[in-house]
Amino acid sequence: MINLLFILLGFDKEVLKSKEGGSGTILFFTFLYILILSLCMYACYYAGYLLSDNVFSAALISLFLTFIMHNMYRLIIATSYEGKNLTSRKEIYKYISVKGFLVIILSIFISSSLCVSVFDSEINIELKKYKSNLASDYENLLSTTYGSQIAELNKAYQDEKEFNILMNNPDNLNHSLVLQENLSRIEKIKQVKTET
């Protein structure tokens, strides 16, 4: 068991052989370490699935990133036994800050994916609301923009019609058809922009 923990998890053989902590403490740390790796594997799988939307590639990404995390934790564990030999406060603070920085970076990476996984349904609800509001605002903007163009075309047509009445010119059917074509063209452009 000691060789297995030494090879897989990077625990120090001398610490494992010493009777200071007892087998209960070693089993507790082994269980805790396996739990952390399991959470890491799930978090990396979830992040990989969000990125690739493919189960197979997400599993490969998860295995690769979990292997990297495992080796980083092994590095932290393997270099942590020198901490009992430190004497001055400056050395202790430096030692804690270096180890703590690595642990914090690793835990932030894992916990952010886990948080997204746990709160996925709430995030989707808020995201749908945001998209709906964004689409509504965009549609209002398009209506305002193209509405002013439609109003300008109608006003120009009415002005020309009034001018023709004043000049005793007969009402030209082509002007009405051109207006209808321009209005339908604007509506099509608005529809295309709304759908995209």
N, C-alpha and C. Protein backbone atom coordinates (compact mmCIF):
# COMPACT_ATOMS: atom_id res chain seq x y z
N MET A 1 0.83 -1.20 0.00
CA MET A 1 0.00 0.00 0.00
C MET A 1 0.87 1.26 0.00
N ILE A 2 1.97 1.21 0.77
CA ILE A 2 2.86 2.38 0.85
C ILE A 2 3.46 2.67 -0.52
N ASN A 3 3.90 1.61 -1.24
CA ASN A 3 4.47 1.81 -2.57
C ASN A 3 3.44 2.36 -3.54
N LEU A 4 2.21 1.88 -3.42
CA LEU A 4 1.13 2.36 -4.30
C LEU A 4 0.87 3.85 -4.07
N LEU A 5 0.77 4.25 -2.79
CA LEU A 5 0.55 5.65 -2.47
C LEU A 5 1.74 6.51 -2.89
N PHE A 6 2.94 5.94 -2.76
CA PHE A 6 4.13 6.67 -3.15
C PHE A 6 4.17 6.88 -4.67
N ILE A 7 3.87 5.85 -5.43
CA ILE A 7 3.96 5.93 -6.89
C ILE A 7 2.81 6.76 -7.47
N LEU A 8 1.58 6.47 -7.04
CA LEU A 8 0.42 7.13 -7.64
C LEU A 8 0.21 8.55 -7.14
N LEU A 9 0.29 8.74 -5.84
CA LEU A 9 -0.08 10.02 -5.26
C LEU A 9 1.11 10.90 -4.88
N GLY A 10 2.30 10.33 -4.86
CA GLY A 10 3.47 11.14 -4.56
C GLY A 10 3.71 11.37 -3.07
N PHE A 11 3.06 10.57 -2.22
CA PHE A 11 3.30 10.71 -0.78
C PHE A 11 4.72 10.26 -0.46
N ASP A 12 5.32 10.87 0.55
CA ASP A 12 6.68 10.53 0.95
C ASP A 12 6.68 9.18 1.67
N LYS A 13 7.61 8.29 1.26
CA LYS A 13 7.66 6.95 1.86
C LYS A 13 7.97 7.02 3.35
N GLU A 14 8.87 7.92 3.72
CA GLU A 14 9.27 8.01 5.12
C GLU A 14 8.08 8.44 6.00
N VAL A 15 7.28 9.38 5.49
CA VAL A 15 6.11 9.82 6.25
C VAL A 15 5.09 8.69 6.33
N LEU A 16 4.92 7.95 5.24
CA LEU A 16 3.97 6.84 5.24
C LEU A 16 4.42 5.72 6.18
N LYS A 17 5.74 5.50 6.28
CA LYS A 17 6.24 4.43 7.14
C LYS A 17 6.22 4.83 8.61
N SER A 18 6.33 6.12 8.90
CA SER A 18 6.33 6.57 10.29
C SER A 18 4.96 6.35 10.91
N LYS A 19 4.93 6.14 12.17
CA LYS A 19 3.67 5.86 12.87
C LYS A 19 3.04 7.12 13.46
N GLU A 20 3.54 8.31 13.07
CA GLU A 20 3.03 9.56 13.66
C GLU A 20 1.55 9.76 13.38
N GLY A 21 1.16 9.72 12.11
CA GLY A 21 -0.22 9.99 11.75
C GLY A 21 -1.12 8.79 11.94
N GLY A 22 -0.57 7.63 11.79
CA GLY A 22 -1.38 6.42 11.86
C GLY A 22 -2.03 6.13 10.52
N SER A 23 -2.52 4.92 10.39
CA SER A 23 -3.12 4.51 9.11
C SER A 23 -4.43 5.24 8.83
N GLY A 24 -5.14 5.65 9.89
CA GLY A 24 -6.40 6.39 9.70
C GLY A 24 -6.16 7.71 8.99
N THR A 25 -5.10 8.41 9.38
CA THR A 25 -4.78 9.69 8.76
C THR A 25 -4.38 9.49 7.30
N ILE A 26 -3.60 8.45 7.05
CA ILE A 26 -3.17 8.18 5.68
C ILE A 26 -4.37 7.84 4.82
N LEU A 27 -5.28 7.02 5.33
CA LEU A 27 -6.50 6.67 4.58
C LEU A 27 -7.37 7.90 4.35
N PHE A 28 -7.44 8.79 5.35
CA PHE A 28 -8.23 10.01 5.20
C PHE A 28 -7.67 10.87 4.08
N PHE A 29 -6.35 11.08 4.08
CA PHE A 29 -5.74 11.90 3.03
C PHE A 29 -5.84 11.23 1.66
N THR A 30 -5.74 9.90 1.63
CA THR A 30 -5.90 9.18 0.36
C THR A 30 -7.32 9.36 -0.17
N PHE A 31 -8.32 9.21 0.70
CA PHE A 31 -9.71 9.39 0.29
C PHE A 31 -9.95 10.83 -0.17
N LEU A 32 -9.41 11.81 0.58
CA LEU A 32 -9.56 13.21 0.21
C LEU A 32 -8.92 13.50 -1.15
N TYR A 33 -7.75 12.92 -1.37
CA TYR A 33 -7.05 13.14 -2.63
C TYR A 33 -7.82 12.53 -3.80
N ILE A 34 -8.35 11.33 -3.61
CA ILE A 34 -9.14 10.69 -4.67
C ILE A 34 -10.42 11.47 -4.92
N LEU A 35 -11.03 12.01 -3.88
CA LEU A 35 -12.22 12.85 -4.04
C LEU A 35 -11.89 14.10 -4.85
N ILE A 36 -10.78 14.74 -4.55
CA ILE A 36 -10.37 15.93 -5.29
C ILE A 36 -10.12 15.59 -6.77
N LEU A 37 -9.46 14.47 -7.02
CA LEU A 37 -9.22 14.06 -8.41
C LEU A 37 -10.52 13.73 -9.14
N SER A 38 -11.47 13.12 -8.43
CA SER A 38 -12.77 12.82 -9.05
C SER A 38 -13.51 14.10 -9.41
N LEU A 39 -13.51 15.06 -8.48
CA LEU A 39 -14.13 16.35 -8.78
C LEU A 39 -13.43 17.05 -9.93
N CYS A 40 -12.12 16.95 -9.96
CA CYS A 40 -11.33 17.54 -11.04
C CYS A 40 -11.69 16.90 -12.37
N MET A 41 -11.83 15.58 -12.38
CA MET A 41 -12.16 14.88 -13.62
C MET A 41 -13.54 15.30 -14.12
N TYR A 42 -14.50 15.39 -13.20
CA TYR A 42 -15.84 15.80 -13.60
C TYR A 42 -15.84 17.25 -14.11
N ALA A 43 -15.14 18.14 -13.39
CA ALA A 43 -15.09 19.55 -13.78
C ALA A 43 -14.44 19.71 -15.15
N CYS A 44 -13.36 18.98 -15.38
CA CYS A 44 -12.68 19.06 -16.68
C CYS A 44 -13.56 18.47 -17.78
N TYR A 45 -14.28 17.38 -17.47
CA TYR A 45 -15.19 16.79 -18.46
C TYR A 45 -16.28 17.79 -18.82
N TYR A 46 -16.86 18.43 -17.80
CA TYR A 46 -17.95 19.38 -18.06
C TYR A 46 -17.45 20.56 -18.89
N ALA A 47 -16.27 21.08 -18.53
CA ALA A 47 -15.70 22.20 -19.30
C ALA A 47 -15.39 21.77 -20.73
N GLY A 48 -14.85 20.57 -20.89
CA GLY A 48 -14.57 20.07 -22.24
C GLY A 48 -15.84 19.85 -23.04
N TYR A 49 -16.90 19.40 -22.38
CA TYR A 49 -18.16 19.19 -23.09
C TYR A 49 -18.77 20.52 -23.52
N LEU A 50 -18.65 21.54 -22.66
CA LEU A 50 -19.15 22.86 -23.04
C LEU A 50 -18.37 23.43 -24.23
N LEU A 51 -17.08 23.15 -24.27
CA LEU A 51 -16.25 23.66 -25.35
C LEU A 51 -16.48 22.91 -26.66
N SER A 52 -16.56 21.58 -26.60
CA SER A 52 -16.59 20.79 -27.82
C SER A 52 -17.96 20.25 -28.19
N ASP A 53 -18.85 20.13 -27.23
CA ASP A 53 -20.19 19.55 -27.44
C ASP A 53 -20.07 18.13 -27.99
N ASN A 54 -19.03 17.43 -27.54
CA ASN A 54 -18.78 16.05 -27.97
C ASN A 54 -18.30 15.27 -26.76
N VAL A 55 -18.96 14.13 -26.50
CA VAL A 55 -18.65 13.35 -25.29
C VAL A 55 -17.24 12.77 -25.37
N PHE A 56 -16.87 12.24 -26.53
CA PHE A 56 -15.57 11.59 -26.66
C PHE A 56 -14.43 12.59 -26.47
N SER A 57 -14.50 13.72 -27.17
CA SER A 57 -13.42 14.71 -27.01
C SER A 57 -13.43 15.31 -25.61
N ALA A 58 -14.62 15.44 -24.99
CA ALA A 58 -14.68 15.93 -23.61
C ALA A 58 -14.01 14.96 -22.66
N ALA A 59 -14.19 13.65 -22.90
CA ALA A 59 -13.53 12.65 -22.05
C ALA A 59 -12.01 12.71 -22.22
N LEU A 60 -11.55 12.89 -23.46
CA LEU A 60 -10.10 13.01 -23.68
C LEU A 60 -9.53 14.26 -23.01
N ILE A 61 -10.24 15.37 -23.17
CA ILE A 61 -9.80 16.61 -22.52
C ILE A 61 -9.76 16.43 -21.01
N SER A 62 -10.79 15.77 -20.48
CA SER A 62 -10.87 15.54 -19.04
C SER A 62 -9.70 14.69 -18.54
N LEU A 63 -9.41 13.60 -19.25
CA LEU A 63 -8.29 12.75 -18.84
C LEU A 63 -6.96 13.51 -18.88
N PHE A 64 -6.77 14.28 -19.95
CA PHE A 64 -5.52 15.02 -20.08
C PHE A 64 -5.37 16.07 -18.99
N LEU A 65 -6.41 16.88 -18.78
CA LEU A 65 -6.32 17.94 -17.76
C LEU A 65 -6.26 17.36 -16.35
N THR A 66 -6.96 16.25 -16.10
CA THR A 66 -6.89 15.62 -14.78
C THR A 66 -5.49 15.07 -14.53
N PHE A 67 -4.87 14.53 -15.57
CA PHE A 67 -3.50 14.05 -15.43
C PHE A 67 -2.55 15.19 -15.08
N ILE A 68 -2.74 16.34 -15.73
CA ILE A 68 -1.91 17.52 -15.42
C ILE A 68 -2.16 17.97 -13.98
N MET A 69 -3.44 18.04 -13.58
CA MET A 69 -3.76 18.45 -12.20
C MET A 69 -3.17 17.46 -11.20
N HIS A 70 -3.28 16.17 -11.51
CA HIS A 70 -2.74 15.13 -10.62
C HIS A 70 -1.24 15.33 -10.43
N ASN A 71 -0.54 15.61 -11.51
CA ASN A 71 0.91 15.81 -11.39
C ASN A 71 1.23 17.10 -10.64
N MET A 72 0.40 18.11 -10.81
CA MET A 72 0.65 19.35 -10.06
C MET A 72 0.40 19.12 -8.56
N TYR A 73 -0.66 18.39 -8.23
CA TYR A 73 -0.89 18.06 -6.81
C TYR A 73 0.23 17.17 -6.27
N ARG A 74 0.71 16.25 -7.09
CA ARG A 74 1.83 15.40 -6.64
C ARG A 74 3.06 16.25 -6.37
N LEU A 75 3.26 17.27 -7.22
CA LEU A 75 4.40 18.17 -7.01
C LEU A 75 4.24 18.93 -5.70
N ILE A 76 3.03 19.39 -5.45
CA ILE A 76 2.78 20.12 -4.20
C ILE A 76 3.01 19.20 -3.00
N ILE A 77 2.48 17.98 -3.07
CA ILE A 77 2.62 17.04 -1.95
C ILE A 77 4.08 16.65 -1.77
N ALA A 78 4.77 16.34 -2.88
CA ALA A 78 6.15 15.89 -2.78
C ALA A 78 7.08 16.96 -2.23
N THR A 79 6.77 18.22 -2.49
CA THR A 79 7.65 19.29 -2.00
C THR A 79 7.15 19.89 -0.69
N SER A 80 6.09 19.35 -0.14
CA SER A 80 5.55 19.93 1.09
C SER A 80 6.21 19.41 2.36
N TYR A 81 6.95 18.34 2.27
CA TYR A 81 7.53 17.76 3.48
C TYR A 81 8.70 18.57 4.03
N GLU A 82 9.25 19.46 3.22
CA GLU A 82 10.33 20.32 3.70
C GLU A 82 9.80 21.40 4.63
N GLY A 83 8.49 21.59 4.68
CA GLY A 83 7.90 22.65 5.50
C GLY A 83 8.15 22.48 6.98
N LYS A 84 8.32 21.25 7.46
CA LYS A 84 8.55 21.05 8.90
C LYS A 84 9.96 21.46 9.32
N ASN A 85 10.85 21.69 8.36
CA ASN A 85 12.23 22.10 8.68
C ASN A 85 12.41 23.61 8.69
N LEU A 86 11.36 24.38 8.35
CA LEU A 86 11.49 25.84 8.31
C LEU A 86 11.48 26.40 9.73
N THR A 87 12.29 27.44 9.93
CA THR A 87 12.41 27.99 11.27
C THR A 87 11.92 29.44 11.37
N SER A 88 12.29 30.30 10.44
CA SER A 88 11.92 31.71 10.55
C SER A 88 10.53 31.95 9.95
N ARG A 89 9.91 33.03 10.44
CA ARG A 89 8.57 33.38 9.92
C ARG A 89 8.62 33.74 8.43
N LYS A 90 9.66 34.41 8.01
CA LYS A 90 9.79 34.80 6.62
C LYS A 90 9.81 33.57 5.71
N GLU A 91 10.55 32.55 6.09
CA GLU A 91 10.59 31.32 5.31
C GLU A 91 9.23 30.63 5.29
N ILE A 92 8.55 30.65 6.44
CA ILE A 92 7.23 30.00 6.53
C ILE A 92 6.23 30.73 5.64
N TYR A 93 6.22 32.07 5.68
CA TYR A 93 5.28 32.84 4.85
C TYR A 93 5.58 32.64 3.36
N LYS A 94 6.86 32.63 3.01
CA LYS A 94 7.23 32.40 1.63
C LYS A 94 6.79 31.01 1.18
N TYR A 95 7.01 30.03 2.03
CA TYR A 95 6.64 28.65 1.72
C TYR A 95 5.12 28.53 1.55
N ILE A 96 4.36 29.13 2.47
CA ILE A 96 2.89 29.05 2.41
C ILE A 96 2.36 29.80 1.18
N SER A 97 2.97 30.96 0.88
CA SER A 97 2.46 31.73 -0.26
C SER A 97 2.68 30.98 -1.59
N VAL A 98 3.84 30.32 -1.74
CA VAL A 98 4.10 29.57 -2.98
C VAL A 98 3.15 28.39 -3.10
N LYS A 99 3.05 27.60 -2.04
CA LYS A 99 2.16 26.43 -2.07
C LYS A 99 0.70 26.86 -2.15
N GLY A 100 0.36 27.88 -1.40
CA GLY A 100 -1.02 28.36 -1.40
C GLY A 100 -1.43 28.89 -2.76
N PHE A 101 -0.52 29.57 -3.44
CA PHE A 101 -0.82 30.10 -4.77
C PHE A 101 -1.16 28.97 -5.74
N LEU A 102 -0.35 27.92 -5.73
CA LEU A 102 -0.62 26.78 -6.61
C LEU A 102 -1.96 26.12 -6.29
N VAL A 103 -2.23 25.93 -5.02
CA VAL A 103 -3.49 25.28 -4.61
C VAL A 103 -4.68 26.16 -4.99
N ILE A 104 -4.56 27.47 -4.80
CA ILE A 104 -5.66 28.39 -5.14
C ILE A 104 -5.93 28.39 -6.63
N ILE A 105 -4.88 28.42 -7.45
CA ILE A 105 -5.05 28.41 -8.90
C ILE A 105 -5.75 27.11 -9.34
N LEU A 106 -5.30 26.00 -8.81
CA LEU A 106 -5.92 24.72 -9.18
C LEU A 106 -7.37 24.65 -8.72
N SER A 107 -7.63 25.13 -7.51
CA SER A 107 -9.00 25.05 -6.99
C SER A 107 -9.94 26.01 -7.73
N ILE A 108 -9.45 27.16 -8.16
CA ILE A 108 -10.30 28.09 -8.92
C ILE A 108 -10.68 27.46 -10.26
N PHE A 109 -9.72 26.81 -10.89
CA PHE A 109 -10.01 26.16 -12.18
C PHE A 109 -11.08 25.09 -12.02
N ILE A 110 -10.94 24.28 -10.99
CA ILE A 110 -11.90 23.19 -10.77
C ILE A 110 -13.25 23.74 -10.31
N SER A 111 -13.22 24.67 -9.36
CA SER A 111 -14.48 25.14 -8.78
C SER A 111 -15.31 25.96 -9.77
N SER A 112 -14.68 26.66 -10.69
CA SER A 112 -15.46 27.45 -11.65
C SER A 112 -16.28 26.53 -12.56
N SER A 113 -15.68 25.43 -13.01
CA SER A 113 -16.43 24.48 -13.83
C SER A 113 -17.54 23.80 -13.02
N LEU A 114 -17.24 23.48 -11.77
CA LEU A 114 -18.26 22.85 -10.92
C LEU A 114 -19.42 23.81 -10.65
N CYS A 115 -19.12 25.08 -10.42
CA CYS A 115 -20.19 26.07 -10.19
C CYS A 115 -21.08 26.20 -11.42
N VAL A 116 -20.48 26.24 -12.60
CA VAL A 116 -21.28 26.32 -13.81
C VAL A 116 -22.15 25.07 -13.95
N SER A 117 -21.60 23.91 -13.60
CA SER A 117 -22.36 22.66 -13.68
C SER A 117 -23.53 22.66 -12.70
N VAL A 118 -23.29 23.12 -11.47
CA VAL A 118 -24.33 23.11 -10.44
C VAL A 118 -25.44 24.10 -10.77
N PHE A 119 -25.07 25.28 -11.24
CA PHE A 119 -26.05 26.34 -11.49
C PHE A 119 -26.42 26.44 -12.97
N ASP A 120 -26.29 25.34 -13.71
CA ASP A 120 -26.54 25.34 -15.15
C ASP A 120 -27.96 25.76 -15.49
N SER A 121 -28.95 25.22 -14.78
CA SER A 121 -30.34 25.55 -15.12
C SER A 121 -30.65 27.03 -14.86
N GLU A 122 -30.15 27.57 -13.74
CA GLU A 122 -30.38 28.99 -13.45
C GLU A 122 -29.68 29.87 -14.48
N ILE A 123 -28.49 29.45 -14.88
CA ILE A 123 -27.75 30.23 -15.88
C ILE A 123 -28.50 30.22 -17.21
N ASN A 124 -29.05 29.05 -17.59
CA ASN A 124 -29.79 28.97 -18.85
C ASN A 124 -31.04 29.85 -18.82
N ILE A 125 -31.74 29.88 -17.66
CA ILE A 125 -32.93 30.73 -17.55
C ILE A 125 -32.55 32.20 -17.72
N GLU A 126 -31.51 32.63 -17.02
CA GLU A 126 -31.06 34.02 -17.12
C GLU A 126 -30.55 34.34 -18.53
N LEU A 127 -29.88 33.37 -19.15
CA LEU A 127 -29.36 33.58 -20.50
C LEU A 127 -30.50 33.73 -21.50
N LYS A 128 -31.56 32.92 -21.34
CA LYS A 128 -32.72 33.05 -22.22
C LYS A 128 -33.40 34.40 -22.04
N LYS A 129 -33.51 34.86 -20.78
CA LYS A 129 -34.09 36.19 -20.54
C LYS A 129 -33.25 37.27 -21.19
N TYR A 130 -31.94 37.17 -21.03
CA TYR A 130 -31.03 38.16 -21.62
C TYR A 130 -31.15 38.17 -23.14
N LYS A 131 -31.17 36.96 -23.76
CA LYS A 131 -31.30 36.89 -25.21
C LYS A 131 -32.63 37.46 -25.68
N SER A 132 -33.69 37.17 -24.91
CA SER A 132 -35.01 37.67 -25.27
C SER A 132 -35.03 39.20 -25.21
N ASN A 133 -34.46 39.77 -24.14
CA ASN A 133 -34.40 41.24 -24.01
C ASN A 133 -33.55 41.85 -25.11
N LEU A 134 -32.45 41.19 -25.42
CA LEU A 134 -31.56 41.70 -26.47
C LEU A 134 -32.26 41.67 -27.83
N ALA A 135 -32.96 40.57 -28.11
CA ALA A 135 -33.69 40.47 -29.39
C ALA A 135 -34.80 41.51 -29.46
N SER A 136 -35.49 41.73 -28.34
CA SER A 136 -36.56 42.73 -28.30
C SER A 136 -36.01 44.14 -28.53
N ASP A 137 -34.89 44.45 -27.87
CA ASP A 137 -34.27 45.77 -28.06
C ASP A 137 -33.82 45.96 -29.50
N TYR A 138 -33.24 44.91 -30.09
CA TYR A 138 -32.78 44.99 -31.48
C TYR A 138 -33.96 45.18 -32.43
N GLU A 139 -35.05 44.45 -32.16
CA GLU A 139 -36.23 44.59 -33.00
C GLU A 139 -36.81 46.00 -32.90
N ASN A 140 -36.82 46.57 -31.68
CA ASN A 140 -37.29 47.95 -31.50
C ASN A 140 -36.40 48.93 -32.26
N LEU A 141 -35.10 48.69 -32.21
CA LEU A 141 -34.16 49.55 -32.93
C LEU A 141 -34.39 49.47 -34.44
N LEU A 142 -34.59 48.25 -34.94
CA LEU A 142 -34.87 48.09 -36.37
C LEU A 142 -36.19 48.76 -36.75
N SER A 143 -37.21 48.58 -35.88
CA SER A 143 -38.51 49.21 -36.17
C SER A 143 -38.38 50.72 -36.22
N THR A 144 -37.62 51.29 -35.31
CA THR A 144 -37.42 52.74 -35.28
C THR A 144 -36.67 53.20 -36.53
N THR A 145 -35.59 52.49 -36.85
CA THR A 145 -34.77 52.89 -38.00
C THR A 145 -35.54 52.78 -39.30
N TYR A 146 -36.12 51.62 -39.54
CA TYR A 146 -36.84 51.42 -40.81
C TYR A 146 -38.20 52.10 -40.80
N GLY A 147 -38.77 52.31 -39.63
CA GLY A 147 -40.02 53.05 -39.54
C GLY A 147 -39.85 54.48 -40.01
N SER A 148 -38.71 55.09 -39.66
CA SER A 148 -38.46 56.46 -40.12
C SER A 148 -38.25 56.49 -41.65
N GLN A 149 -37.61 55.46 -42.21
CA GLN A 149 -37.45 55.41 -43.66
C GLN A 149 -38.80 55.24 -44.36
N ILE A 150 -39.66 54.40 -43.79
CA ILE A 150 -41.00 54.20 -44.36
C ILE A 150 -41.80 55.50 -44.28
N ALA A 151 -41.70 56.19 -43.14
CA ALA A 151 -42.42 57.46 -42.99
C ALA A 151 -41.93 58.49 -44.01
N GLU A 152 -40.60 58.52 -44.25
CA GLU A 152 -40.05 59.45 -45.24
C GLU A 152 -40.56 59.13 -46.65
N LEU A 153 -40.61 57.83 -46.99
CA LEU A 153 -41.12 57.44 -48.32
C LEU A 153 -42.60 57.82 -48.48
N ASN A 154 -43.39 57.55 -47.43
CA ASN A 154 -44.82 57.91 -47.48
C ASN A 154 -45.00 59.42 -47.60
N LYS A 155 -44.19 60.17 -46.86
CA LYS A 155 -44.30 61.64 -46.91
C LYS A 155 -43.92 62.15 -48.30
N ALA A 156 -42.86 61.58 -48.86
CA ALA A 156 -42.44 61.99 -50.20
C ALA A 156 -43.53 61.67 -51.22
N TYR A 157 -44.16 60.51 -51.08
CA TYR A 157 -45.24 60.13 -52.00
C TYR A 157 -46.44 61.07 -51.86
N GLN A 158 -46.80 61.37 -50.60
CA GLN A 158 -47.93 62.28 -50.36
C GLN A 158 -47.63 63.69 -50.89
N ASP A 159 -46.41 64.16 -50.68
CA ASP A 159 -46.02 65.48 -51.19
C ASP A 159 -46.10 65.52 -52.71
N GLU A 160 -45.61 64.45 -53.34
CA GLU A 160 -45.67 64.41 -54.80
C GLU A 160 -47.12 64.34 -55.29
N LYS A 161 -47.94 63.59 -54.57
CA LYS A 161 -49.35 63.48 -54.94
C LYS A 161 -50.04 64.84 -54.83
N GLU A 162 -49.77 65.55 -53.72
CA GLU A 162 -50.36 66.89 -53.54
C GLU A 162 -49.85 67.86 -54.62
N PHE A 163 -48.58 67.73 -54.95
CA PHE A 163 -48.02 68.60 -55.99
C PHE A 163 -48.70 68.33 -57.34
N ASN A 164 -48.92 67.05 -57.63
CA ASN A 164 -49.60 66.69 -58.88
C ASN A 164 -51.04 67.21 -58.90
N ILE A 165 -51.72 67.20 -57.76
CA ILE A 165 -53.08 67.73 -57.68
C ILE A 165 -53.06 69.23 -57.94
N LEU A 166 -52.08 69.93 -57.36
CA LEU A 166 -51.97 71.37 -57.56
C LEU A 166 -51.65 71.71 -59.02
N MET A 167 -50.88 70.86 -59.66
CA MET A 167 -50.47 71.12 -61.03
C MET A 167 -51.45 70.53 -62.05
N ASN A 168 -52.54 69.96 -61.57
CA ASN A 168 -53.55 69.31 -62.41
C ASN A 168 -52.96 68.18 -63.26
N ASN A 169 -51.96 67.51 -62.73
CA ASN A 169 -51.40 66.33 -63.39
C ASN A 169 -52.19 65.11 -62.94
N PRO A 170 -52.43 64.17 -63.84
CA PRO A 170 -53.15 62.97 -63.42
C PRO A 170 -52.28 62.13 -62.48
N ASP A 171 -52.96 61.40 -61.60
CA ASP A 171 -52.26 60.54 -60.63
C ASP A 171 -51.56 59.42 -61.39
N ASN A 172 -50.27 59.31 -61.24
CA ASN A 172 -49.48 58.32 -61.95
C ASN A 172 -49.44 57.02 -61.15
N LEU A 173 -49.83 55.92 -61.80
CA LEU A 173 -49.86 54.62 -61.14
C LEU A 173 -48.44 54.12 -60.84
N ASN A 174 -47.48 54.53 -61.66
CA ASN A 174 -46.10 54.11 -61.45
C ASN A 174 -45.55 54.59 -60.10
N HIS A 175 -45.92 55.79 -59.69
CA HIS A 175 -45.44 56.31 -58.40
C HIS A 175 -45.93 55.44 -57.25
N SER A 176 -47.16 55.00 -57.34
CA SER A 176 -47.72 54.14 -56.30
C SER A 176 -47.02 52.78 -56.28
N LEU A 177 -46.75 52.23 -57.48
CA LEU A 177 -46.05 50.94 -57.55
C LEU A 177 -44.62 51.05 -57.03
N VAL A 178 -43.95 52.14 -57.36
CA VAL A 178 -42.58 52.36 -56.86
C VAL A 178 -42.58 52.45 -55.34
N LEU A 179 -43.59 53.16 -54.81
CA LEU A 179 -43.69 53.26 -53.34
C LEU A 179 -43.88 51.88 -52.72
N GLN A 180 -44.78 51.08 -53.30
CA GLN A 180 -45.03 49.75 -52.76
C GLN A 180 -43.78 48.87 -52.85
N GLU A 181 -43.03 48.97 -53.94
CA GLU A 181 -41.78 48.21 -54.09
C GLU A 181 -40.77 48.62 -53.03
N ASN A 182 -40.63 49.93 -52.84
CA ASN A 182 -39.67 50.42 -51.83
C ASN A 182 -40.08 49.99 -50.43
N LEU A 183 -41.37 50.06 -50.14
CA LEU A 183 -41.84 49.65 -48.82
C LEU A 183 -41.62 48.15 -48.59
N SER A 184 -41.92 47.33 -49.61
CA SER A 184 -41.71 45.88 -49.46
C SER A 184 -40.22 45.55 -49.35
N ARG A 185 -39.36 46.30 -50.07
CA ARG A 185 -37.91 46.09 -49.97
C ARG A 185 -37.41 46.39 -48.57
N ILE A 186 -37.91 47.49 -47.98
CA ILE A 186 -37.51 47.84 -46.62
C ILE A 186 -37.99 46.79 -45.63
N GLU A 187 -39.22 46.30 -45.82
CA GLU A 187 -39.75 45.27 -44.92
C GLU A 187 -38.94 43.98 -45.02
N LYS A 188 -38.49 43.64 -46.23
CA LYS A 188 -37.67 42.43 -46.40
C LYS A 188 -36.32 42.59 -45.71
N ILE A 189 -35.72 43.75 -45.88
CA ILE A 189 -34.43 44.01 -45.20
C ILE A 189 -34.60 43.92 -43.70
N LYS A 190 -35.68 44.52 -43.19
CA LYS A 190 -35.96 44.48 -41.75
C LYS A 190 -36.16 43.03 -41.29
N GLN A 191 -36.88 42.23 -42.08
CA GLN A 191 -37.15 40.84 -41.73
C GLN A 191 -35.86 40.03 -41.70
N VAL A 192 -34.99 40.24 -42.70
CA VAL A 192 -33.72 39.51 -42.76
C VAL A 192 -32.86 39.87 -41.55
N LYS A 193 -32.78 41.13 -41.21
CA LYS A 193 -31.97 41.55 -40.06
C LYS A 193 -32.56 41.07 -38.75
N THR A 194 -33.88 40.95 -38.67
CA THR A 194 -34.51 40.45 -37.45
C THR A 194 -34.21 38.97 -37.27
N GLU A 195 -34.20 38.22 -38.37
CA GLU A 195 -33.96 36.77 -38.27
C GLU A 195 -32.52 36.44 -37.99
N THR A 196 -31.57 37.31 -38.36
CA THR A 196 -30.16 37.00 -38.12
C THR A 196 -29.69 37.53 -36.83
